[in-house]
């Protein structure tokens, strides 16, 4: 999304204002893929830990716990 420095630099370095709509669509699409992936990991993690009766102290480490198992 637009608040991250590496995204702002990409928009600042664009060669022409005519390329902005294409860059915007690409950026939003990539953000949607990333967010859907994060949601997928969370939903998969819920069923993963409940099925295996695993207690996770910090929910933010769910992906790491799943990859270790």
PDB file of N, CA and C in Angstrom:
ATOM      1  N   UNK A   1       0.834  -1.176   0.000  1.00  0.00           N
ATOM      2  CA  UNK A   1       0.000   0.000   0.000  1.00  0.00           C
ATOM      3  C   UNK A   1       0.875   1.234   0.000  1.00  0.00           C
ATOM      4  N   UNK A   2       0.293   2.374  -0.173  1.00  0.00           N
ATOM      5  CA  UNK A   2       1.038   3.578  -0.510  1.00  0.00           C
ATOM      6  C   UNK A   2       1.866   4.161   0.631  1.00  0.00           C
ATOM      7  N   UNK A   3       1.746   3.683   1.841  1.00  0.00           N
ATOM      8  CA  UNK A   3       2.510   4.236   2.947  1.00  0.00           C
ATOM      9  C   UNK A   3       3.902   3.651   3.103  1.00  0.00           C
ATOM     10  N   UNK A   4       4.213   2.606   2.371  1.00  0.00           N
ATOM     11  CA  UNK A   4       5.516   1.968   2.522  1.00  0.00           C
ATOM     12  C   UNK A   4       6.554   2.676   1.645  1.00  0.00           C
ATOM     13  N   UNK A   5       7.748   2.907   2.202  1.00  0.00           N
ATOM     14  CA  UNK A   5       8.757   3.703   1.483  1.00  0.00           C
ATOM     15  C   UNK A   5       9.144   3.135   0.121  1.00  0.00           C
ATOM     16  N   UNK A   6       9.293   1.828   0.001  1.00  0.00           N
ATOM     17  CA  UNK A   6       9.709   1.279  -1.290  1.00  0.00           C
ATOM     18  C   UNK A   6       8.620   1.438  -2.352  1.00  0.00           C
ATOM     19  N   UNK A   7       7.368   1.511  -1.952  1.00  0.00           N
ATOM     20  CA  UNK A   7       6.284   1.752  -2.906  1.00  0.00           C
ATOM     21  C   UNK A   7       6.284   3.220  -3.335  1.00  0.00           C
ATOM     22  N   UNK A   8       6.469   4.107  -2.385  1.00  0.00           N
ATOM     23  CA  UNK A   8       6.501   5.541  -2.712  1.00  0.00           C
ATOM     24  C   UNK A   8       7.645   5.847  -3.674  1.00  0.00           C
ATOM     25  N   UNK A   9       8.802   5.233  -3.452  1.00  0.00           N
ATOM     26  CA  UNK A   9       9.956   5.457  -4.337  1.00  0.00           C
ATOM     27  C   UNK A   9       9.638   4.974  -5.749  1.00  0.00           C
ATOM     28  N   UNK A  10       8.939   3.859  -5.870  1.00  0.00           N
ATOM     29  CA  UNK A  10       8.548   3.367  -7.200  1.00  0.00           C
ATOM     30  C   UNK A  10       7.673   4.385  -7.924  1.00  0.00           C
ATOM     31  N   UNK A  11       6.699   4.949  -7.221  1.00  0.00           N
ATOM     32  CA  UNK A  11       5.834   5.941  -7.852  1.00  0.00           C
ATOM     33  C   UNK A  11       6.588   7.232  -8.158  1.00  0.00           C
ATOM     34  N   UNK A  12       7.529   7.608  -7.308  1.00  0.00           N
ATOM     35  CA  UNK A  12       8.308   8.825  -7.541  1.00  0.00           C
ATOM     36  C   UNK A  12       9.222   8.681  -8.753  1.00  0.00           C
ATOM     37  N   UNK A  13       9.651   7.464  -9.047  1.00  0.00           N
ATOM     38  CA  UNK A  13      10.614   7.266 -10.129  1.00  0.00           C
ATOM     39  C   UNK A  13       9.959   6.891 -11.456  1.00  0.00           C
ATOM     40  N   UNK A  14       8.647   6.967 -11.534  1.00  0.00           N
ATOM     41  CA  UNK A  14       7.969   6.587 -12.770  1.00  0.00           C
ATOM     42  C   UNK A  14       8.310   7.576 -13.876  1.00  0.00           C
ATOM     43  N   UNK A  15       8.467   7.075 -15.081  1.00  0.00           N
ATOM     44  CA  UNK A  15       8.964   7.897 -16.195  1.00  0.00           C
ATOM     45  C   UNK A  15       7.918   8.851 -16.770  1.00  0.00           C
ATOM     46  N   UNK A  16       6.655   8.444 -16.717  1.00  0.00           N
ATOM     47  CA  UNK A  16       5.617   9.281 -17.296  1.00  0.00           C
ATOM     48  C   UNK A  16       4.333   9.145 -16.478  1.00  0.00           C
ATOM     49  N   UNK A  17       3.578  10.228 -16.426  1.00  0.00           N
ATOM     50  CA  UNK A  17       2.308  10.167 -15.705  1.00  0.00           C
ATOM     51  C   UNK A  17       1.319   9.218 -16.385  1.00  0.00           C
ATOM     52  N   UNK A  18       1.547   8.913 -17.656  1.00  0.00           N
ATOM     53  CA  UNK A  18       0.669   7.992 -18.375  1.00  0.00           C
ATOM     54  C   UNK A  18       0.819   6.551 -17.880  1.00  0.00           C
ATOM     55  N   UNK A  19       1.929   6.235 -17.230  1.00  0.00           N
ATOM     56  CA  UNK A  19       2.166   4.891 -16.710  1.00  0.00           C
ATOM     57  C   UNK A  19       1.576   4.685 -15.315  1.00  0.00           C
ATOM     58  N   UNK A  20       1.084   5.756 -14.690  1.00  0.00           N
ATOM     59  CA  UNK A  20       0.557   5.656 -13.330  1.00  0.00           C
ATOM     60  C   UNK A  20      -0.636   4.703 -13.179  1.00  0.00           C
ATOM     61  N   UNK A  21      -1.617   4.727 -14.092  1.00  0.00           N
ATOM     62  CA  UNK A  21      -2.738   3.790 -13.915  1.00  0.00           C
ATOM     63  C   UNK A  21      -2.287   2.318 -13.938  1.00  0.00           C
ATOM     64  N   UNK A  22      -1.381   1.989 -14.834  1.00  0.00           N
ATOM     65  CA  UNK A  22      -0.876   0.619 -14.909  1.00  0.00           C
ATOM     66  C   UNK A  22      -0.110   0.262 -13.627  1.00  0.00           C
ATOM     67  N   UNK A  23       0.705   1.176 -13.156  1.00  0.00           N
ATOM     68  CA  UNK A  23       1.466   0.940 -11.924  1.00  0.00           C
ATOM     69  C   UNK A  23       0.538   0.812 -10.731  1.00  0.00           C
ATOM     70  N   UNK A  24      -0.500   1.611 -10.705  1.00  0.00           N
ATOM     71  CA  UNK A  24      -1.468   1.544  -9.612  1.00  0.00           C
ATOM     72  C   UNK A  24      -2.186   0.197  -9.603  1.00  0.00           C
ATOM     73  N   UNK A  25      -2.627  -0.256 -10.777  1.00  0.00           N
ATOM     74  CA  UNK A  25      -3.300  -1.564 -10.857  1.00  0.00           C
ATOM     75  C   UNK A  25      -2.374  -2.686 -10.424  1.00  0.00           C
ATOM     76  N   UNK A  26      -1.136  -2.635 -10.852  1.00  0.00           N
ATOM     77  CA  UNK A  26      -0.169  -3.661 -10.477  1.00  0.00           C
ATOM     78  C   UNK A  26       0.088  -3.636  -8.971  1.00  0.00           C
ATOM     79  N   UNK A  27       0.250  -2.457  -8.401  1.00  0.00           N
ATOM     80  CA  UNK A  27       0.493  -2.338  -6.963  1.00  0.00           C
ATOM     81  C   UNK A  27      -0.677  -2.823  -6.128  1.00  0.00           C
ATOM     82  N   UNK A  28      -1.874  -2.452  -6.510  1.00  0.00           N
ATOM     83  CA  UNK A  28      -3.068  -2.879  -5.776  1.00  0.00           C
ATOM     84  C   UNK A  28      -3.267  -4.381  -5.916  1.00  0.00           C
ATOM     85  N   UNK A  29      -3.017  -4.916  -7.108  1.00  0.00           N
ATOM     86  CA  UNK A  29      -3.158  -6.366  -7.315  1.00  0.00           C
ATOM     87  C   UNK A  29      -2.183  -7.136  -6.440  1.00  0.00           C
ATOM     88  N   UNK A  30      -0.939  -6.680  -6.391  1.00  0.00           N
ATOM     89  CA  UNK A  30       0.060  -7.363  -5.576  1.00  0.00           C
ATOM     90  C   UNK A  30      -0.291  -7.272  -4.089  1.00  0.00           C
ATOM     91  N   UNK A  31      -0.800  -6.121  -3.671  1.00  0.00           N
ATOM     92  CA  UNK A  31      -1.211  -5.959  -2.277  1.00  0.00           C
ATOM     93  C   UNK A  31      -2.359  -6.919  -1.948  1.00  0.00           C
ATOM     94  N   UNK A  32      -3.308  -7.068  -2.861  1.00  0.00           N
ATOM     95  CA  UNK A  32      -4.438  -7.972  -2.638  1.00  0.00           C
ATOM     96  C   UNK A  32      -3.958  -9.414  -2.522  1.00  0.00           C
ATOM     97  N   UNK A  33      -3.019  -9.816  -3.372  1.00  0.00           N
ATOM     98  CA  UNK A  33      -2.466 -11.170  -3.296  1.00  0.00           C
ATOM     99  C   UNK A  33      -1.786 -11.386  -1.945  1.00  0.00           C
ATOM    100  N   UNK A  34      -1.000 -10.416  -1.516  1.00  0.00           N
ATOM    101  CA  UNK A  34      -0.310 -10.516  -0.224  1.00  0.00           C
ATOM    102  C   UNK A  34      -1.272 -10.597   0.951  1.00  0.00           C
ATOM    103  N   UNK A  35      -2.306  -9.764   0.937  1.00  0.00           N
ATOM    104  CA  UNK A  35      -3.274  -9.779   2.028  1.00  0.00           C
ATOM    105  C   UNK A  35      -4.103 -11.063   2.033  1.00  0.00           C
ATOM    106  N   UNK A  36      -4.496 -11.541   0.857  1.00  0.00           N
ATOM    107  CA  UNK A  36      -5.238 -12.803   0.791  1.00  0.00           C
ATOM    108  C   UNK A  36      -4.372 -13.969   1.259  1.00  0.00           C
ATOM    109  N   UNK A  37      -3.075 -13.913   0.951  1.00  0.00           N
ATOM    110  CA  UNK A  37      -2.159 -14.944   1.437  1.00  0.00           C
ATOM    111  C   UNK A  37      -2.061 -14.934   2.956  1.00  0.00           C
ATOM    112  N   UNK A  38      -1.991 -13.759   3.531  1.00  0.00           N
ATOM    113  CA  UNK A  38      -1.930 -13.652   4.996  1.00  0.00           C
ATOM    114  C   UNK A  38      -3.213 -14.170   5.637  1.00  0.00           C
ATOM    115  N   UNK A  39      -4.344 -13.855   5.040  1.00  0.00           N
ATOM    116  CA  UNK A  39      -5.622 -14.359   5.550  1.00  0.00           C
ATOM    117  C   UNK A  39      -5.670 -15.875   5.420  1.00  0.00           C
ATOM    118  N   UNK A  40      -5.172 -16.395   4.299  1.00  0.00           N
ATOM    119  CA  UNK A  40      -5.135 -17.842   4.096  1.00  0.00           C
ATOM    120  C   UNK A  40      -4.285 -18.549   5.131  1.00  0.00           C
ATOM    121  N   UNK A  41      -3.128 -17.979   5.444  1.00  0.00           N
ATOM    122  CA  UNK A  41      -2.266 -18.565   6.475  1.00  0.00           C
ATOM    123  C   UNK A  41      -2.987 -18.555   7.820  1.00  0.00           C
ATOM    124  N   UNK A  42      -3.660 -17.483   8.133  1.00  0.00           N
ATOM    125  CA  UNK A  42      -4.375 -17.398   9.406  1.00  0.00           C
ATOM    126  C   UNK A  42      -5.500 -18.416   9.508  1.00  0.00           C
ATOM    127  N   UNK A  43      -6.303 -18.530   8.459  1.00  0.00           N
ATOM    128  CA  UNK A  43      -7.407 -19.486   8.484  1.00  0.00           C
ATOM    129  C   UNK A  43      -6.911 -20.928   8.505  1.00  0.00           C
ATOM    130  N   UNK A  44      -5.866 -21.197   7.733  1.00  0.00           N
ATOM    131  CA  UNK A  44      -5.267 -22.533   7.747  1.00  0.00           C
ATOM    132  C   UNK A  44      -4.685 -22.824   9.122  1.00  0.00           C
ATOM    133  N   UNK A  45      -4.061 -21.832   9.723  1.00  0.00           N
ATOM    134  CA  UNK A  45      -3.463 -21.990  11.041  1.00  0.00           C
ATOM    135  C   UNK A  45      -4.478 -22.298  12.122  1.00  0.00           C
ATOM    136  N   UNK A  46      -5.652 -21.687  12.030  1.00  0.00           N
ATOM    137  CA  UNK A  46      -6.702 -21.954  13.016  1.00  0.00           C
ATOM    138  C   UNK A  46      -7.073 -23.428  13.006  1.00  0.00           C
ATOM    139  N   UNK A  47      -7.306 -23.973  11.823  1.00  0.00           N
ATOM    140  CA  UNK A  47      -7.672 -25.391  11.755  1.00  0.00           C
ATOM    141  C   UNK A  47      -6.476 -26.283  12.080  1.00  0.00           C
ATOM    142  N   UNK A  48      -5.280 -25.844  11.710  1.00  0.00           N
ATOM    143  CA  UNK A  48      -4.067 -26.619  11.962  1.00  0.00           C
ATOM    144  C   UNK A  48      -3.819 -26.814  13.457  1.00  0.00           C
ATOM    145  N   UNK A  49      -3.895 -25.727  14.220  1.00  0.00           N
ATOM    146  CA  UNK A  49      -3.600 -25.852  15.651  1.00  0.00           C
ATOM    147  C   UNK A  49      -4.735 -26.514  16.415  1.00  0.00           C
ATOM    148  N   UNK A  50      -5.985 -26.308  15.954  1.00  0.00           N
ATOM    149  CA  UNK A  50      -7.093 -26.957  16.661  1.00  0.00           C
ATOM    150  C   UNK A  50      -7.125 -28.460  16.375  1.00  0.00           C
ATOM    151  N   UNK A  51      -6.748 -28.855  15.184  1.00  0.00           N
ATOM    152  CA  UNK A  51      -6.726 -30.278  14.825  1.00  0.00           C
ATOM    153  C   UNK A  51      -5.637 -31.030  15.579  1.00  0.00           C
ATOM    154  N   UNK A  52      -4.506 -30.366  15.786  1.00  0.00           N
ATOM    155  CA  UNK A  52      -3.363 -31.008  16.443  1.00  0.00           C
ATOM    156  C   UNK A  52      -3.267 -30.667  17.934  1.00  0.00           C
ATOM    157  N   UNK A  53      -4.223 -29.916  18.448  1.00  0.00           N
ATOM    158  CA  UNK A  53      -4.274 -29.512  19.871  1.00  0.00           C
ATOM    159  C   UNK A  53      -2.963 -28.849  20.306  1.00  0.00           C
ATOM    160  N   UNK A  54      -2.521 -27.894  19.510  1.00  0.00           N
ATOM    161  CA  UNK A  54      -1.289 -27.158  19.784  1.00  0.00           C
ATOM    162  C   UNK A  54      -1.665 -25.843  20.452  1.00  0.00           C
ATOM    163  N   UNK A  55      -0.933 -25.480  21.490  1.00  0.00           N
ATOM    164  CA  UNK A  55      -1.148 -24.190  22.145  1.00  0.00           C
ATOM    165  C   UNK A  55      -0.088 -23.219  21.637  1.00  0.00           C
ATOM    166  N   UNK A  56      -0.531 -22.134  21.056  1.00  0.00           N
ATOM    167  CA  UNK A  56       0.363 -21.109  20.524  1.00  0.00           C
ATOM    168  C   UNK A  56       0.305 -19.916  21.463  1.00  0.00           C
ATOM    169  N   UNK A  57       1.449 -19.573  22.057  1.00  0.00           N
ATOM    170  CA  UNK A  57       1.505 -18.450  23.007  1.00  0.00           C
ATOM    171  C   UNK A  57       1.263 -17.112  22.308  1.00  0.00           C
ATOM    172  N   UNK A  58       1.917 -16.914  21.167  1.00  0.00           N
ATOM    173  CA  UNK A  58       1.802 -15.663  20.427  1.00  0.00           C
ATOM    174  C   UNK A  58       1.215 -15.968  19.042  1.00  0.00           C
ATOM    175  N   UNK A  59       0.005 -15.522  18.754  1.00  0.00           N
ATOM    176  CA  UNK A  59      -0.625 -15.840  17.469  1.00  0.00           C
ATOM    177  C   UNK A  59       0.169 -15.346  16.255  1.00  0.00           C
ATOM    178  N   UNK A  60       1.018 -14.338  16.447  1.00  0.00           N
ATOM    179  CA  UNK A  60       1.792 -13.824  15.330  1.00  0.00           C
ATOM    180  C   UNK A  60       2.895 -14.790  14.896  1.00  0.00           C
ATOM    181  N   UNK A  61       3.161 -15.801  15.705  1.00  0.00           N
ATOM    182  CA  UNK A  61       4.186 -16.787  15.347  1.00  0.00           C
ATOM    183  C   UNK A  61       3.568 -18.049  14.751  1.00  0.00           C
ATOM    184  N   UNK A  62       2.309 -17.991  14.390  1.00  0.00           N
ATOM    185  CA  UNK A  62       1.599 -19.153  13.871  1.00  0.00           C
ATOM    186  C   UNK A  62       2.271 -19.730  12.630  1.00  0.00           C
ATOM    187  N   UNK A  63       2.670 -18.885  11.712  1.00  0.00           N
ATOM    188  CA  UNK A  63       3.325 -19.357  10.487  1.00  0.00           C
ATOM    189  C   UNK A  63       4.625 -20.083  10.807  1.00  0.00           C
ATOM    190  N   UNK A  64       5.383 -19.562  11.747  1.00  0.00           N
ATOM    191  CA  UNK A  64       6.643 -20.184  12.135  1.00  0.00           C
ATOM    192  C   UNK A  64       6.382 -21.532  12.799  1.00  0.00           C
ATOM    193  N   UNK A  65       5.372 -21.597  13.664  1.00  0.00           N
ATOM    194  CA  UNK A  65       5.011 -22.853  14.320  1.00  0.00           C
ATOM    195  C   UNK A  65       4.613 -23.889  13.277  1.00  0.00           C
ATOM    196  N   UNK A  66       3.788 -23.487  12.306  1.00  0.00           N
ATOM    197  CA  UNK A  66       3.366 -24.424  11.270  1.00  0.00           C
ATOM    198  C   UNK A  66       4.546 -24.893  10.425  1.00  0.00           C
ATOM    199  N   UNK A  67       5.475 -24.018  10.126  1.00  0.00           N
ATOM    200  CA  UNK A  67       6.615 -24.427   9.294  1.00  0.00           C
ATOM    201  C   UNK A  67       7.568 -25.336  10.061  1.00  0.00           C
ATOM    202  N   UNK A  68       7.637 -25.203  11.364  1.00  0.00           N
ATOM    203  CA  UNK A  68       8.509 -26.076  12.158  1.00  0.00           C
ATOM    204  C   UNK A  68       7.937 -27.484  12.271  1.00  0.00           C
ATOM    205  N   UNK A  69       6.635 -27.594  12.262  1.00  0.00           N
ATOM    206  CA  UNK A  69       5.988 -28.898  12.373  1.00  0.00           C
ATOM    207  C   UNK A  69       5.903 -29.539  11.008  1.00  0.00           C
TER     208      UNK A  69
END
